[in-house]
Amino acid sequence: MEQEPARPASVPAGLNYRFRPMGAEDIPVICEIEQESFATPWTAGAFHNELTNNQFARYLVLEVDGEIAGYGGMWLIMEEAHVTNVAIRAKFRGLKLGELLMQEMQRTAGLYGAIRMTLEVRPSNHVALGLYEKLGFRSVGVRRGYYTDNQEDAVIMWADLPKAGRMKDQA
C-alpha cells in the first residue's frame, strides 16, 4: 500500500485533500492557475502536448474538497526527475499546500525510480527558494537570462530523493 507523505504541521488539520494524475479535462483550470502564478504562463496546447505526447511527463493535481488547488509536473528521465511546473491557486496559498505538493512529487518520482530531482527557480522567489531548501534542494548553479519575460537568471537546484518508497529498493 502506498504511503502518503507526512502532512506538514502547518497544513490545517481539517483540510481534505487528495492527489491524482492530471487529465486533459483539467487543462482549463490548470491554465487559470498558470495565469495567476506566472508572468509567462504555459498554454493549453503545451499542457495537452505534455499529457499526450511526452512519455517522460508526469503531472499531478492537488484537490482540496474536490476543487483543484494546485498542480505539479515533472519529466522522469532515467534516475532523474526534472520539475517543470509547480503552482498553487491564489486562494489556497499560505496553507503550506506547496510543501505538500512538492513532497508528493518527490515521493512519486521515487516510486518511478528517480534518485535525484532538479528544478529552476527565480532568485527573487524567496518563498519558493525557502521551501525547496527545506525539502533538501541545494543550489548548484545559475542559468543566465533564463526567464524570457525579464531575462532574470534561474537558480539551478538539485536534491537527493529519499530511498524509502523507491520501486527499485523494494523487494
N, C-alpha and C. Protein backbone atom coordinates (compact mmCIF):
# COMPACT_ATOMS: atom_id res chain seq x y z
N MET A 1 0.84 -1.18 0.00
CA MET A 1 0.00 0.00 0.00
C MET A 1 0.89 1.24 0.00
N GLU A 2 0.53 2.22 -0.83
CA GLU A 2 1.32 3.45 -0.90
C GLU A 2 1.11 4.28 0.35
N GLN A 3 2.18 4.91 0.78
CA GLN A 3 2.13 5.73 1.98
C GLN A 3 2.07 7.20 1.59
N GLU A 4 1.13 7.92 2.19
CA GLU A 4 1.02 9.36 1.95
C GLU A 4 2.17 10.07 2.65
N PRO A 5 2.65 11.18 2.08
CA PRO A 5 3.67 11.94 2.78
C PRO A 5 3.11 12.52 4.07
N ALA A 6 3.98 12.78 5.01
CA ALA A 6 3.55 13.38 6.27
C ALA A 6 2.94 14.75 5.99
N ARG A 7 1.85 15.04 6.63
CA ARG A 7 1.21 16.34 6.49
C ARG A 7 2.06 17.36 7.22
N PRO A 8 2.50 18.43 6.53
CA PRO A 8 3.25 19.47 7.24
C PRO A 8 2.43 19.99 8.42
N ALA A 9 3.08 20.25 9.53
CA ALA A 9 2.39 20.67 10.75
C ALA A 9 1.52 21.89 10.53
N SER A 10 1.90 22.75 9.59
CA SER A 10 1.16 23.98 9.38
C SER A 10 -0.02 23.83 8.41
N VAL A 11 -0.22 22.64 7.82
CA VAL A 11 -1.40 22.42 6.98
C VAL A 11 -2.58 22.20 7.92
N PRO A 12 -3.65 22.96 7.77
CA PRO A 12 -4.79 22.82 8.68
C PRO A 12 -5.28 21.37 8.76
N ALA A 13 -5.52 20.91 9.97
CA ALA A 13 -5.89 19.51 10.22
C ALA A 13 -7.18 19.12 9.52
N GLY A 14 -8.13 20.00 9.39
CA GLY A 14 -9.42 19.66 8.79
C GLY A 14 -9.45 19.73 7.28
N LEU A 15 -8.32 20.05 6.67
CA LEU A 15 -8.27 20.21 5.22
C LEU A 15 -8.32 18.85 4.54
N ASN A 16 -9.31 18.63 3.70
CA ASN A 16 -9.44 17.36 2.97
C ASN A 16 -8.80 17.52 1.61
N TYR A 17 -7.74 16.77 1.37
CA TYR A 17 -7.04 16.88 0.10
C TYR A 17 -6.74 15.50 -0.46
N ARG A 18 -6.47 15.48 -1.76
CA ARG A 18 -6.01 14.26 -2.41
C ARG A 18 -5.20 14.63 -3.64
N PHE A 19 -4.35 13.70 -4.06
CA PHE A 19 -3.56 13.85 -5.27
C PHE A 19 -4.10 12.87 -6.30
N ARG A 20 -4.01 13.28 -7.56
CA ARG A 20 -4.39 12.38 -8.66
C ARG A 20 -3.65 12.81 -9.91
N PRO A 21 -3.55 11.91 -10.89
CA PRO A 21 -2.91 12.30 -12.15
C PRO A 21 -3.73 13.38 -12.86
N MET A 22 -3.06 14.29 -13.52
CA MET A 22 -3.74 15.32 -14.31
C MET A 22 -4.30 14.68 -15.58
N GLY A 23 -5.49 15.11 -15.95
CA GLY A 23 -6.10 14.67 -17.20
C GLY A 23 -6.39 15.86 -18.09
N ALA A 24 -6.70 15.59 -19.34
CA ALA A 24 -6.98 16.67 -20.30
C ALA A 24 -8.14 17.55 -19.83
N GLU A 25 -9.09 16.95 -19.11
CA GLU A 25 -10.24 17.73 -18.62
C GLU A 25 -9.84 18.78 -17.59
N ASP A 26 -8.65 18.65 -17.01
CA ASP A 26 -8.16 19.60 -16.01
C ASP A 26 -7.49 20.83 -16.62
N ILE A 27 -7.16 20.77 -17.89
CA ILE A 27 -6.34 21.82 -18.51
C ILE A 27 -6.94 23.22 -18.37
N PRO A 28 -8.25 23.45 -18.56
CA PRO A 28 -8.76 24.82 -18.40
C PRO A 28 -8.49 25.41 -17.01
N VAL A 29 -8.68 24.64 -15.95
CA VAL A 29 -8.42 25.13 -14.60
C VAL A 29 -6.92 25.30 -14.38
N ILE A 30 -6.12 24.38 -14.90
CA ILE A 30 -4.67 24.48 -14.77
C ILE A 30 -4.19 25.77 -15.44
N CYS A 31 -4.76 26.11 -16.57
CA CYS A 31 -4.38 27.36 -17.26
C CYS A 31 -4.77 28.59 -16.45
N GLU A 32 -5.88 28.53 -15.73
CA GLU A 32 -6.25 29.64 -14.83
C GLU A 32 -5.19 29.80 -13.74
N ILE A 33 -4.74 28.68 -13.17
CA ILE A 33 -3.71 28.73 -12.13
C ILE A 33 -2.41 29.28 -12.72
N GLU A 34 -2.09 28.88 -13.94
CA GLU A 34 -0.89 29.41 -14.62
C GLU A 34 -0.98 30.94 -14.74
N GLN A 35 -2.15 31.45 -15.14
CA GLN A 35 -2.34 32.89 -15.30
C GLN A 35 -2.15 33.62 -13.97
N GLU A 36 -2.62 33.01 -12.87
CA GLU A 36 -2.48 33.60 -11.55
C GLU A 36 -1.04 33.57 -11.04
N SER A 37 -0.26 32.63 -11.55
CA SER A 37 1.02 32.31 -10.94
C SER A 37 2.26 32.79 -11.69
N PHE A 38 2.19 32.89 -13.00
CA PHE A 38 3.41 33.09 -13.78
C PHE A 38 3.31 34.24 -14.77
N ALA A 39 4.42 34.93 -14.95
CA ALA A 39 4.49 36.03 -15.92
C ALA A 39 4.39 35.50 -17.35
N THR A 40 4.90 34.31 -17.59
CA THR A 40 4.80 33.68 -18.91
C THR A 40 4.15 32.30 -18.75
N PRO A 41 2.82 32.29 -18.62
CA PRO A 41 2.13 31.03 -18.38
C PRO A 41 2.18 30.09 -19.58
N TRP A 42 2.15 28.80 -19.27
CA TRP A 42 2.05 27.80 -20.33
C TRP A 42 0.65 27.87 -20.93
N THR A 43 0.56 27.45 -22.18
CA THR A 43 -0.72 27.43 -22.89
C THR A 43 -1.42 26.09 -22.70
N ALA A 44 -2.70 26.08 -23.04
CA ALA A 44 -3.45 24.83 -23.00
C ALA A 44 -2.81 23.81 -23.94
N GLY A 45 -2.35 24.26 -25.09
CA GLY A 45 -1.70 23.37 -26.05
C GLY A 45 -0.43 22.74 -25.49
N ALA A 46 0.32 23.52 -24.71
CA ALA A 46 1.54 22.97 -24.11
C ALA A 46 1.20 21.85 -23.12
N PHE A 47 0.18 22.08 -22.31
CA PHE A 47 -0.22 21.03 -21.36
C PHE A 47 -0.78 19.81 -22.09
N HIS A 48 -1.57 20.05 -23.12
CA HIS A 48 -2.11 18.93 -23.88
C HIS A 48 -0.98 18.09 -24.48
N ASN A 49 0.03 18.77 -25.01
CA ASN A 49 1.18 18.07 -25.57
C ASN A 49 1.91 17.26 -24.50
N GLU A 50 2.08 17.84 -23.34
CA GLU A 50 2.75 17.13 -22.24
C GLU A 50 2.00 15.86 -21.88
N LEU A 51 0.67 15.95 -21.81
CA LEU A 51 -0.14 14.81 -21.38
C LEU A 51 -0.28 13.74 -22.44
N THR A 52 -0.20 14.12 -23.71
CA THR A 52 -0.47 13.14 -24.77
C THR A 52 0.77 12.70 -25.55
N ASN A 53 1.80 13.53 -25.61
CA ASN A 53 2.94 13.21 -26.47
C ASN A 53 4.27 13.05 -25.75
N ASN A 54 4.35 13.40 -24.48
CA ASN A 54 5.64 13.34 -23.78
C ASN A 54 5.65 12.11 -22.86
N GLN A 55 6.35 11.09 -23.28
CA GLN A 55 6.39 9.85 -22.50
C GLN A 55 7.11 10.02 -21.16
N PHE A 56 7.86 11.08 -20.99
CA PHE A 56 8.60 11.31 -19.76
C PHE A 56 7.80 12.12 -18.73
N ALA A 57 6.70 12.74 -19.17
CA ALA A 57 5.96 13.68 -18.34
C ALA A 57 5.02 12.97 -17.36
N ARG A 58 5.01 13.49 -16.13
CA ARG A 58 4.07 13.06 -15.10
C ARG A 58 3.54 14.33 -14.43
N TYR A 59 2.23 14.52 -14.46
CA TYR A 59 1.61 15.70 -13.86
C TYR A 59 0.61 15.27 -12.81
N LEU A 60 0.65 15.94 -11.66
CA LEU A 60 -0.24 15.65 -10.55
C LEU A 60 -1.13 16.85 -10.28
N VAL A 61 -2.35 16.56 -9.86
CA VAL A 61 -3.29 17.59 -9.44
C VAL A 61 -3.50 17.42 -7.94
N LEU A 62 -3.53 18.52 -7.23
CA LEU A 62 -3.86 18.54 -5.80
C LEU A 62 -5.27 19.11 -5.69
N GLU A 63 -6.18 18.31 -5.15
CA GLU A 63 -7.54 18.77 -4.93
C GLU A 63 -7.77 19.00 -3.44
N VAL A 64 -8.48 20.06 -3.12
CA VAL A 64 -8.92 20.34 -1.76
C VAL A 64 -10.44 20.42 -1.81
N ASP A 65 -11.08 19.55 -1.05
CA ASP A 65 -12.55 19.46 -1.04
C ASP A 65 -13.12 19.40 -2.46
N GLY A 66 -12.46 18.62 -3.32
CA GLY A 66 -12.93 18.40 -4.68
C GLY A 66 -12.59 19.49 -5.67
N GLU A 67 -11.94 20.55 -5.23
CA GLU A 67 -11.57 21.67 -6.11
C GLU A 67 -10.07 21.62 -6.38
N ILE A 68 -9.66 21.86 -7.62
CA ILE A 68 -8.24 21.87 -7.95
C ILE A 68 -7.59 23.07 -7.26
N ALA A 69 -6.65 22.77 -6.37
CA ALA A 69 -5.96 23.80 -5.61
C ALA A 69 -4.55 24.04 -6.14
N GLY A 70 -4.02 23.09 -6.89
CA GLY A 70 -2.68 23.24 -7.42
C GLY A 70 -2.31 22.05 -8.27
N TYR A 71 -1.12 22.14 -8.85
CA TYR A 71 -0.64 21.05 -9.69
C TYR A 71 0.88 21.12 -9.75
N GLY A 72 1.46 20.02 -10.16
CA GLY A 72 2.91 19.97 -10.36
C GLY A 72 3.21 19.01 -11.48
N GLY A 73 4.28 19.32 -12.19
CA GLY A 73 4.69 18.47 -13.30
C GLY A 73 6.18 18.20 -13.27
N MET A 74 6.55 17.07 -13.83
CA MET A 74 7.96 16.71 -13.91
C MET A 74 8.17 15.76 -15.07
N TRP A 75 9.41 15.72 -15.52
CA TRP A 75 9.84 14.75 -16.51
C TRP A 75 10.70 13.73 -15.78
N LEU A 76 10.40 12.48 -15.95
CA LEU A 76 11.17 11.40 -15.34
C LEU A 76 12.05 10.78 -16.42
N ILE A 77 13.34 11.07 -16.31
CA ILE A 77 14.31 10.61 -17.31
C ILE A 77 15.41 9.84 -16.59
N MET A 78 15.42 8.54 -16.85
CA MET A 78 16.37 7.65 -16.17
C MET A 78 16.15 7.75 -14.66
N GLU A 79 17.18 8.11 -13.93
CA GLU A 79 17.07 8.20 -12.47
C GLU A 79 16.90 9.64 -11.99
N GLU A 80 16.48 10.52 -12.89
CA GLU A 80 16.33 11.92 -12.54
C GLU A 80 14.90 12.41 -12.79
N ALA A 81 14.43 13.25 -11.89
CA ALA A 81 13.14 13.91 -12.06
C ALA A 81 13.41 15.40 -12.26
N HIS A 82 12.92 15.93 -13.37
CA HIS A 82 13.11 17.35 -13.70
C HIS A 82 11.76 18.05 -13.53
N VAL A 83 11.64 18.90 -12.51
CA VAL A 83 10.39 19.60 -12.25
C VAL A 83 10.18 20.65 -13.34
N THR A 84 9.00 20.63 -13.94
CA THR A 84 8.67 21.59 -14.99
C THR A 84 7.80 22.73 -14.46
N ASN A 85 6.83 22.39 -13.61
CA ASN A 85 5.89 23.37 -13.09
C ASN A 85 5.42 22.97 -11.70
N VAL A 86 5.21 23.96 -10.87
CA VAL A 86 4.55 23.77 -9.57
C VAL A 86 3.79 25.06 -9.30
N ALA A 87 2.50 24.94 -9.01
CA ALA A 87 1.73 26.15 -8.71
C ALA A 87 0.54 25.81 -7.84
N ILE A 88 0.23 26.74 -6.95
CA ILE A 88 -0.94 26.66 -6.09
C ILE A 88 -1.86 27.82 -6.43
N ARG A 89 -3.13 27.53 -6.56
CA ARG A 89 -4.13 28.56 -6.86
C ARG A 89 -4.07 29.65 -5.79
N ALA A 90 -4.22 30.91 -6.19
CA ALA A 90 -4.04 32.06 -5.30
C ALA A 90 -4.85 31.93 -4.00
N LYS A 91 -6.10 31.51 -4.09
CA LYS A 91 -6.94 31.46 -2.89
C LYS A 91 -6.53 30.36 -1.92
N PHE A 92 -5.66 29.44 -2.34
CA PHE A 92 -5.20 28.36 -1.46
C PHE A 92 -3.78 28.58 -0.94
N ARG A 93 -3.17 29.70 -1.31
CA ARG A 93 -1.80 29.95 -0.87
C ARG A 93 -1.76 30.28 0.61
N GLY A 94 -0.62 30.00 1.23
CA GLY A 94 -0.44 30.28 2.65
C GLY A 94 -0.86 29.13 3.55
N LEU A 95 -1.30 28.02 2.96
CA LEU A 95 -1.73 26.85 3.73
C LEU A 95 -0.69 25.73 3.72
N LYS A 96 0.48 26.01 3.17
CA LYS A 96 1.57 25.03 3.06
C LYS A 96 1.24 23.91 2.08
N LEU A 97 0.33 24.16 1.14
CA LEU A 97 -0.01 23.16 0.15
C LEU A 97 1.10 22.96 -0.87
N GLY A 98 1.89 23.98 -1.10
CA GLY A 98 3.04 23.84 -2.00
C GLY A 98 4.03 22.82 -1.44
N GLU A 99 4.23 22.86 -0.14
CA GLU A 99 5.11 21.88 0.51
C GLU A 99 4.54 20.48 0.37
N LEU A 100 3.25 20.35 0.60
CA LEU A 100 2.59 19.06 0.47
C LEU A 100 2.71 18.53 -0.96
N LEU A 101 2.50 19.40 -1.93
CA LEU A 101 2.59 19.02 -3.34
C LEU A 101 4.01 18.60 -3.71
N MET A 102 4.99 19.36 -3.28
CA MET A 102 6.38 19.00 -3.59
C MET A 102 6.77 17.68 -2.93
N GLN A 103 6.30 17.44 -1.71
CA GLN A 103 6.57 16.16 -1.05
C GLN A 103 5.99 15.01 -1.87
N GLU A 104 4.77 15.21 -2.38
CA GLU A 104 4.14 14.16 -3.18
C GLU A 104 4.89 13.96 -4.50
N MET A 105 5.38 15.04 -5.08
CA MET A 105 6.15 14.90 -6.31
C MET A 105 7.45 14.15 -6.05
N GLN A 106 8.12 14.44 -4.94
CA GLN A 106 9.34 13.72 -4.59
C GLN A 106 9.03 12.23 -4.37
N ARG A 107 7.95 11.95 -3.67
CA ARG A 107 7.55 10.57 -3.41
C ARG A 107 7.24 9.84 -4.71
N THR A 108 6.47 10.49 -5.58
CA THR A 108 6.09 9.89 -6.86
C THR A 108 7.32 9.64 -7.72
N ALA A 109 8.23 10.61 -7.77
CA ALA A 109 9.46 10.43 -8.55
C ALA A 109 10.24 9.22 -8.03
N GLY A 110 10.30 9.07 -6.72
CA GLY A 110 10.98 7.91 -6.15
C GLY A 110 10.31 6.60 -6.53
N LEU A 111 8.99 6.59 -6.56
CA LEU A 111 8.27 5.38 -6.97
C LEU A 111 8.59 4.99 -8.40
N TYR A 112 8.90 5.97 -9.23
CA TYR A 112 9.27 5.71 -10.62
C TYR A 112 10.77 5.42 -10.77
N GLY A 113 11.49 5.38 -9.67
CA GLY A 113 12.90 5.01 -9.73
C GLY A 113 13.89 6.16 -9.73
N ALA A 114 13.39 7.40 -9.62
CA ALA A 114 14.31 8.54 -9.59
C ALA A 114 15.06 8.56 -8.27
N ILE A 115 16.31 8.97 -8.35
CA ILE A 115 17.12 9.11 -7.13
C ILE A 115 17.49 10.57 -6.86
N ARG A 116 17.28 11.42 -7.87
CA ARG A 116 17.56 12.86 -7.72
C ARG A 116 16.47 13.65 -8.41
N MET A 117 16.28 14.89 -7.94
CA MET A 117 15.29 15.79 -8.53
C MET A 117 15.95 17.14 -8.74
N THR A 118 15.60 17.79 -9.84
CA THR A 118 16.15 19.10 -10.15
C THR A 118 15.04 20.05 -10.57
N LEU A 119 15.32 21.34 -10.41
CA LEU A 119 14.38 22.38 -10.83
C LEU A 119 15.14 23.69 -10.99
N GLU A 120 14.47 24.64 -11.63
CA GLU A 120 14.98 26.01 -11.72
C GLU A 120 13.98 26.92 -11.03
N VAL A 121 14.50 27.95 -10.39
CA VAL A 121 13.64 28.89 -9.66
C VAL A 121 14.24 30.29 -9.77
N ARG A 122 13.37 31.27 -9.80
CA ARG A 122 13.84 32.66 -9.84
C ARG A 122 14.53 33.00 -8.51
N PRO A 123 15.66 33.67 -8.55
CA PRO A 123 16.30 34.09 -7.30
C PRO A 123 15.44 35.08 -6.51
N SER A 124 14.52 35.76 -7.18
CA SER A 124 13.64 36.71 -6.50
C SER A 124 12.46 36.01 -5.81
N ASN A 125 12.27 34.72 -6.05
CA ASN A 125 11.15 33.98 -5.46
C ASN A 125 11.62 33.37 -4.14
N HIS A 126 11.70 34.23 -3.12
CA HIS A 126 12.24 33.82 -1.82
C HIS A 126 11.39 32.74 -1.14
N VAL A 127 10.08 32.79 -1.32
CA VAL A 127 9.21 31.78 -0.71
C VAL A 127 9.54 30.40 -1.29
N ALA A 128 9.62 30.31 -2.61
CA ALA A 128 9.93 29.03 -3.25
C ALA A 128 11.33 28.56 -2.88
N LEU A 129 12.29 29.46 -2.90
CA LEU A 129 13.67 29.08 -2.53
C LEU A 129 13.71 28.48 -1.13
N GLY A 130 13.01 29.11 -0.19
CA GLY A 130 12.98 28.61 1.18
C GLY A 130 12.33 27.23 1.26
N LEU A 131 11.25 27.04 0.52
CA LEU A 131 10.58 25.75 0.51
C LEU A 131 11.50 24.67 -0.05
N TYR A 132 12.11 24.96 -1.18
CA TYR A 132 12.97 23.96 -1.81
C TYR A 132 14.15 23.59 -0.91
N GLU A 133 14.73 24.58 -0.27
CA GLU A 133 15.83 24.29 0.65
C GLU A 133 15.35 23.42 1.81
N LYS A 134 14.15 23.72 2.33
CA LYS A 134 13.57 22.92 3.41
C LYS A 134 13.40 21.46 2.99
N LEU A 135 13.12 21.24 1.70
CA LEU A 135 12.89 19.90 1.18
C LEU A 135 14.17 19.23 0.68
N GLY A 136 15.32 19.83 0.99
CA GLY A 136 16.59 19.19 0.67
C GLY A 136 17.25 19.62 -0.62
N PHE A 137 16.70 20.61 -1.31
CA PHE A 137 17.32 21.10 -2.53
C PHE A 137 18.48 22.03 -2.19
N ARG A 138 19.52 21.97 -3.01
CA ARG A 138 20.68 22.84 -2.85
C ARG A 138 21.01 23.50 -4.18
N SER A 139 21.40 24.75 -4.12
CA SER A 139 21.78 25.49 -5.32
C SER A 139 23.10 24.95 -5.85
N VAL A 140 23.12 24.68 -7.17
CA VAL A 140 24.34 24.17 -7.78
C VAL A 140 24.83 25.05 -8.94
N GLY A 141 24.06 26.06 -9.28
CA GLY A 141 24.47 26.92 -10.38
C GLY A 141 23.39 27.88 -10.79
N VAL A 142 23.66 28.59 -11.88
CA VAL A 142 22.75 29.62 -12.37
C VAL A 142 22.62 29.48 -13.88
N ARG A 143 21.41 29.64 -14.39
CA ARG A 143 21.17 29.75 -15.84
C ARG A 143 20.93 31.23 -16.11
N ARG A 144 21.86 31.86 -16.77
CA ARG A 144 21.79 33.30 -17.04
C ARG A 144 20.66 33.63 -18.01
N GLY A 145 19.86 34.64 -17.67
CA GLY A 145 18.79 35.13 -18.54
C GLY A 145 17.74 34.08 -18.88
N TYR A 146 17.49 33.15 -17.99
CA TYR A 146 16.61 32.01 -18.23
C TYR A 146 15.17 32.40 -18.48
N TYR A 147 14.66 33.36 -17.71
CA TYR A 147 13.24 33.73 -17.80
C TYR A 147 13.04 34.77 -18.90
N THR A 148 12.18 34.43 -19.85
CA THR A 148 12.03 35.26 -21.05
C THR A 148 11.29 36.57 -20.80
N ASP A 149 10.49 36.66 -19.72
CA ASP A 149 9.72 37.88 -19.50
C ASP A 149 10.60 39.04 -19.08
N ASN A 150 11.67 38.77 -18.32
CA ASN A 150 12.53 39.87 -17.84
C ASN A 150 14.02 39.52 -17.84
N GLN A 151 14.35 38.39 -18.45
CA GLN A 151 15.74 37.93 -18.53
C GLN A 151 16.36 37.63 -17.17
N GLU A 152 15.53 37.42 -16.16
CA GLU A 152 16.04 37.06 -14.84
C GLU A 152 16.75 35.71 -14.92
N ASP A 153 17.80 35.58 -14.14
CA ASP A 153 18.51 34.31 -14.06
C ASP A 153 17.63 33.27 -13.36
N ALA A 154 18.02 32.02 -13.46
CA ALA A 154 17.38 30.94 -12.72
C ALA A 154 18.43 30.27 -11.85
N VAL A 155 18.05 29.99 -10.62
CA VAL A 155 18.90 29.20 -9.72
C VAL A 155 18.61 27.73 -10.04
N ILE A 156 19.65 26.97 -10.31
CA ILE A 156 19.52 25.53 -10.56
C ILE A 156 19.67 24.83 -9.22
N MET A 157 18.69 23.99 -8.88
CA MET A 157 18.72 23.29 -7.60
C MET A 157 18.57 21.78 -7.83
N TRP A 158 19.25 21.02 -6.98
CA TRP A 158 19.17 19.56 -7.01
C TRP A 158 18.92 19.05 -5.61
N ALA A 159 18.21 17.91 -5.52
CA ALA A 159 18.01 17.23 -4.24
C ALA A 159 18.11 15.73 -4.47
N ASP A 160 18.71 15.05 -3.51
CA ASP A 160 18.66 13.60 -3.49
C ASP A 160 17.30 13.21 -2.93
N LEU A 161 16.70 12.20 -3.52
CA LEU A 161 15.40 11.73 -3.05
C LEU A 161 15.59 10.65 -2.00
N PRO A 162 14.68 10.60 -1.04
CA PRO A 162 14.78 9.57 0.00
C PRO A 162 14.71 8.18 -0.62
N LYS A 163 15.47 7.25 -0.06
CA LYS A 163 15.47 5.88 -0.59
C LYS A 163 14.15 5.18 -0.31
N ALA A 164 13.52 5.49 0.81
CA ALA A 164 12.25 4.83 1.16
C ALA A 164 11.22 5.10 0.09
N GLY A 165 10.56 4.06 -0.36
CA GLY A 165 9.49 4.22 -1.34
C GLY A 165 9.91 4.01 -2.77
N ARG A 166 11.21 3.91 -3.04
CA ARG A 166 11.63 3.67 -4.43
C ARG A 166 11.30 2.25 -4.84
N MET A 167 10.74 2.11 -6.03
CA MET A 167 10.39 0.78 -6.52
C MET A 167 11.61 -0.13 -6.57
N LYS A 168 12.74 0.41 -7.00
CA LYS A 168 13.94 -0.41 -7.16
C LYS A 168 14.45 -0.91 -5.81
N ASP A 169 14.13 -0.23 -4.73
CA ASP A 169 14.62 -0.61 -3.43
C ASP A 169 13.71 -1.59 -2.70
N GLN A 170 12.55 -1.83 -3.28
CA GLN A 170 11.61 -2.70 -2.60
C GLN A 170 11.73 -4.12 -3.14
N ALA A 171 11.62 -5.08 -2.27
CA ALA A 171 11.73 -6.49 -2.70
C ALA A 171 10.37 -7.05 -3.03
